[in-house]
Amino acid sequence: MTIKTTLSFTDRHHRFLSEKVDEGVFATRSAAVASAIEQMMQDDQEREIALSALADEIRARMQTTRSEYVDGEQVFSAARAAVEASRRR
């Protein structure tokens, strides 16, 4: 079902939409807005999946015994060295 609505845009946004329609990227301004909303919906879904996976990982790590802990300095030392090396270039 399609619902007709009125939207207001800044000049900058309107110009961008018009350019994309003129370039043939989108058939209409409405199609461009719909595509942007679809992307936002997909981003939200992916963010929820990532947060859920992160929460699961945190819960799993909370079950780790202290003897299995890994020293943070040791874990990140290689990454820090790579960053420092890239800064010197």
N, C-alpha and C. Protein backbone atom coordinates (compact mmCIF):
# COMPACT_ATOMS: atom_id res chain seq x y z
N MET A 1 0.84 -1.17 0.00
CA MET A 1 0.00 0.00 0.00
C MET A 1 0.89 1.24 0.00
N THR A 2 0.54 2.22 -0.78
CA THR A 2 1.28 3.47 -0.84
C THR A 2 0.47 4.56 -0.13
N ILE A 3 1.15 5.32 0.71
CA ILE A 3 0.52 6.42 1.43
C ILE A 3 1.15 7.71 0.96
N LYS A 4 0.34 8.64 0.58
CA LYS A 4 0.83 9.93 0.13
C LYS A 4 1.05 10.82 1.35
N THR A 5 2.20 11.47 1.38
CA THR A 5 2.53 12.36 2.48
C THR A 5 3.29 13.56 1.95
N THR A 6 3.41 14.57 2.77
CA THR A 6 4.15 15.77 2.39
C THR A 6 5.41 15.84 3.23
N LEU A 7 6.53 16.06 2.59
CA LEU A 7 7.80 16.18 3.28
C LEU A 7 8.43 17.51 2.93
N SER A 8 9.18 18.06 3.85
CA SER A 8 9.91 19.30 3.60
C SER A 8 11.40 19.00 3.66
N PHE A 9 12.15 19.61 2.74
CA PHE A 9 13.59 19.41 2.67
C PHE A 9 14.30 20.74 2.65
N THR A 10 15.54 20.72 3.12
CA THR A 10 16.37 21.91 2.96
C THR A 10 16.70 22.03 1.48
N ASP A 11 17.17 23.19 1.09
CA ASP A 11 17.57 23.38 -0.31
C ASP A 11 18.65 22.38 -0.70
N ARG A 12 19.57 22.16 0.21
CA ARG A 12 20.67 21.23 -0.06
C ARG A 12 20.15 19.82 -0.31
N HIS A 13 19.23 19.36 0.54
CA HIS A 13 18.68 18.02 0.36
C HIS A 13 17.85 17.91 -0.92
N HIS A 14 17.07 18.92 -1.18
CA HIS A 14 16.24 18.91 -2.40
C HIS A 14 17.12 18.88 -3.64
N ARG A 15 18.18 19.67 -3.62
CA ARG A 15 19.11 19.71 -4.76
C ARG A 15 19.75 18.34 -4.96
N PHE A 16 20.17 17.72 -3.88
CA PHE A 16 20.79 16.39 -3.96
C PHE A 16 19.81 15.37 -4.54
N LEU A 17 18.59 15.37 -4.02
CA LEU A 17 17.57 14.45 -4.54
C LEU A 17 17.34 14.68 -6.03
N SER A 18 17.21 15.93 -6.41
CA SER A 18 16.97 16.26 -7.82
C SER A 18 18.13 15.80 -8.69
N GLU A 19 19.36 15.99 -8.22
CA GLU A 19 20.53 15.55 -8.98
C GLU A 19 20.51 14.03 -9.18
N LYS A 20 20.18 13.30 -8.14
CA LYS A 20 20.15 11.84 -8.24
C LYS A 20 19.06 11.37 -9.21
N VAL A 21 17.95 12.06 -9.22
CA VAL A 21 16.88 11.73 -10.18
C VAL A 21 17.34 12.07 -11.59
N ASP A 22 17.93 13.25 -11.75
CA ASP A 22 18.42 13.67 -13.07
C ASP A 22 19.51 12.73 -13.61
N GLU A 23 20.34 12.19 -12.70
CA GLU A 23 21.40 11.26 -13.10
C GLU A 23 20.85 9.87 -13.40
N GLY A 24 19.58 9.64 -13.07
CA GLY A 24 18.98 8.34 -13.32
C GLY A 24 19.23 7.33 -12.21
N VAL A 25 19.78 7.79 -11.11
CA VAL A 25 20.02 6.88 -9.98
C VAL A 25 18.69 6.42 -9.41
N PHE A 26 17.73 7.34 -9.35
CA PHE A 26 16.37 7.03 -8.88
C PHE A 26 15.38 7.56 -9.89
N ALA A 27 14.24 6.90 -9.99
CA ALA A 27 13.22 7.31 -10.95
C ALA A 27 12.53 8.60 -10.48
N THR A 28 12.34 8.74 -9.18
CA THR A 28 11.65 9.90 -8.61
C THR A 28 12.28 10.26 -7.27
N ARG A 29 11.95 11.45 -6.78
CA ARG A 29 12.40 11.85 -5.45
C ARG A 29 11.81 10.90 -4.40
N SER A 30 10.58 10.49 -4.61
CA SER A 30 9.95 9.56 -3.67
C SER A 30 10.72 8.25 -3.60
N ALA A 31 11.19 7.77 -4.75
CA ALA A 31 11.96 6.53 -4.77
C ALA A 31 13.27 6.71 -4.01
N ALA A 32 13.88 7.87 -4.13
CA ALA A 32 15.13 8.15 -3.42
C ALA A 32 14.90 8.16 -1.91
N VAL A 33 13.82 8.81 -1.47
CA VAL A 33 13.50 8.87 -0.05
C VAL A 33 13.17 7.46 0.46
N ALA A 34 12.41 6.70 -0.30
CA ALA A 34 12.07 5.34 0.10
C ALA A 34 13.34 4.50 0.23
N SER A 35 14.29 4.67 -0.67
CA SER A 35 15.55 3.94 -0.61
C SER A 35 16.33 4.32 0.65
N ALA A 36 16.34 5.59 0.97
CA ALA A 36 17.04 6.04 2.18
C ALA A 36 16.39 5.45 3.43
N ILE A 37 15.08 5.41 3.46
CA ILE A 37 14.38 4.84 4.61
C ILE A 37 14.65 3.34 4.70
N GLU A 38 14.65 2.64 3.57
CA GLU A 38 14.98 1.21 3.58
C GLU A 38 16.38 0.99 4.14
N GLN A 39 17.33 1.85 3.74
CA GLN A 39 18.70 1.73 4.25
C GLN A 39 18.74 1.95 5.76
N MET A 40 17.98 2.93 6.25
CA MET A 40 17.91 3.18 7.68
C MET A 40 17.34 1.97 8.42
N MET A 41 16.32 1.36 7.83
CA MET A 41 15.71 0.17 8.44
C MET A 41 16.71 -0.98 8.49
N GLN A 42 17.46 -1.16 7.41
CA GLN A 42 18.47 -2.21 7.37
C GLN A 42 19.58 -1.92 8.38
N ASP A 43 20.01 -0.67 8.47
CA ASP A 43 21.03 -0.28 9.44
C ASP A 43 20.57 -0.58 10.86
N ASP A 44 19.31 -0.26 11.16
CA ASP A 44 18.76 -0.53 12.49
C ASP A 44 18.77 -2.03 12.78
N GLN A 45 18.35 -2.82 11.81
CA GLN A 45 18.30 -4.27 11.99
C GLN A 45 19.71 -4.82 12.22
N GLU A 46 20.68 -4.37 11.42
CA GLU A 46 22.05 -4.84 11.57
C GLU A 46 22.63 -4.40 12.92
N ARG A 47 22.30 -3.19 13.37
CA ARG A 47 22.76 -2.70 14.66
C ARG A 47 22.21 -3.57 15.79
N GLU A 48 20.94 -3.93 15.70
CA GLU A 48 20.33 -4.79 16.71
C GLU A 48 20.99 -6.17 16.73
N ILE A 49 21.28 -6.71 15.56
CA ILE A 49 21.95 -8.01 15.48
C ILE A 49 23.34 -7.93 16.11
N ALA A 50 24.07 -6.86 15.78
CA ALA A 50 25.42 -6.68 16.32
C ALA A 50 25.38 -6.51 17.84
N LEU A 51 24.44 -5.72 18.34
CA LEU A 51 24.34 -5.52 19.79
C LEU A 51 23.95 -6.81 20.50
N SER A 52 23.09 -7.58 19.89
CA SER A 52 22.69 -8.86 20.47
C SER A 52 23.88 -9.81 20.53
N ALA A 53 24.65 -9.85 19.45
CA ALA A 53 25.84 -10.72 19.42
C ALA A 53 26.86 -10.26 20.45
N LEU A 54 27.01 -8.96 20.59
CA LEU A 54 27.94 -8.42 21.58
C LEU A 54 27.48 -8.78 22.99
N ALA A 55 26.20 -8.64 23.26
CA ALA A 55 25.65 -9.01 24.57
C ALA A 55 25.87 -10.49 24.85
N ASP A 56 25.66 -11.33 23.84
CA ASP A 56 25.91 -12.78 24.00
C ASP A 56 27.37 -13.05 24.32
N GLU A 57 28.26 -12.34 23.64
CA GLU A 57 29.70 -12.53 23.87
C GLU A 57 30.08 -12.08 25.29
N ILE A 58 29.52 -10.97 25.72
CA ILE A 58 29.80 -10.49 27.08
C ILE A 58 29.31 -11.51 28.11
N ARG A 59 28.09 -12.01 27.91
CA ARG A 59 27.57 -13.03 28.83
C ARG A 59 28.47 -14.26 28.86
N ALA A 60 28.94 -14.68 27.69
CA ALA A 60 29.81 -15.86 27.62
C ALA A 60 31.14 -15.58 28.33
N ARG A 61 31.68 -14.40 28.14
CA ARG A 61 32.97 -14.08 28.77
C ARG A 61 32.84 -13.91 30.27
N MET A 62 31.66 -13.55 30.74
CA MET A 62 31.45 -13.44 32.18
C MET A 62 31.56 -14.80 32.86
N GLN A 63 31.44 -15.86 32.09
CA GLN A 63 31.56 -17.22 32.62
C GLN A 63 33.03 -17.68 32.66
N THR A 64 33.93 -16.86 32.12
CA THR A 64 35.35 -17.20 32.07
C THR A 64 35.96 -17.10 33.47
N THR A 65 36.73 -18.09 33.82
CA THR A 65 37.40 -18.05 35.13
C THR A 65 38.59 -17.11 35.07
N ARG A 66 38.98 -16.58 36.21
CA ARG A 66 40.11 -15.64 36.26
C ARG A 66 41.38 -16.24 35.68
N SER A 67 41.57 -17.53 35.85
CA SER A 67 42.79 -18.17 35.33
C SER A 67 42.85 -18.15 33.81
N GLU A 68 41.71 -17.95 33.16
CA GLU A 68 41.67 -17.91 31.69
C GLU A 68 41.75 -16.48 31.14
N TYR A 69 41.78 -15.49 32.03
CA TYR A 69 41.86 -14.10 31.58
C TYR A 69 43.14 -13.88 30.77
N VAL A 70 43.07 -12.97 29.82
CA VAL A 70 44.22 -12.61 29.00
C VAL A 70 44.57 -11.16 29.32
N ASP A 71 45.84 -10.90 29.49
CA ASP A 71 46.30 -9.55 29.80
C ASP A 71 46.03 -8.61 28.63
N GLY A 72 45.38 -7.49 28.90
CA GLY A 72 45.03 -6.52 27.86
C GLY A 72 46.23 -5.97 27.13
N GLU A 73 47.30 -5.68 27.87
CA GLU A 73 48.52 -5.17 27.23
C GLU A 73 49.05 -6.16 26.20
N GLN A 74 49.05 -7.41 26.55
CA GLN A 74 49.54 -8.46 25.66
C GLN A 74 48.65 -8.57 24.43
N VAL A 75 47.36 -8.51 24.62
CA VAL A 75 46.41 -8.67 23.52
C VAL A 75 46.54 -7.53 22.51
N PHE A 76 46.68 -6.30 23.01
CA PHE A 76 46.66 -5.14 22.13
C PHE A 76 48.03 -4.63 21.73
N SER A 77 49.08 -5.24 22.21
CA SER A 77 50.43 -4.73 21.90
C SER A 77 50.73 -4.77 20.40
N ALA A 78 50.35 -5.81 19.72
CA ALA A 78 50.59 -5.89 18.28
C ALA A 78 49.80 -4.83 17.52
N ALA A 79 48.57 -4.60 17.94
CA ALA A 79 47.76 -3.57 17.29
C ALA A 79 48.35 -2.19 17.53
N ARG A 80 48.79 -1.92 18.75
CA ARG A 80 49.41 -0.61 19.04
C ARG A 80 50.68 -0.41 18.23
N ALA A 81 51.47 -1.46 18.09
CA ALA A 81 52.70 -1.38 17.31
C ALA A 81 52.38 -1.08 15.85
N ALA A 82 51.35 -1.71 15.30
CA ALA A 82 50.97 -1.47 13.90
C ALA A 82 50.50 -0.04 13.71
N VAL A 83 49.74 0.48 14.67
CA VAL A 83 49.27 1.87 14.57
C VAL A 83 50.45 2.83 14.62
N GLU A 84 51.35 2.59 15.55
CA GLU A 84 52.54 3.46 15.67
C GLU A 84 53.37 3.42 14.39
N ALA A 85 53.54 2.23 13.82
CA ALA A 85 54.33 2.10 12.59
C ALA A 85 53.66 2.86 11.44
N SER A 86 52.34 2.81 11.37
CA SER A 86 51.64 3.51 10.29
C SER A 86 51.73 5.02 10.46
N ARG A 87 51.82 5.49 11.70
CA ARG A 87 51.95 6.95 11.94
C ARG A 87 53.30 7.47 11.53
N ARG A 88 54.31 6.62 11.57
CA ARG A 88 55.68 7.05 11.24
C ARG A 88 55.90 7.14 9.73
N ARG A 89 54.98 6.64 8.96
CA ARG A 89 55.16 6.64 7.49
C ARG A 89 54.90 7.98 6.90
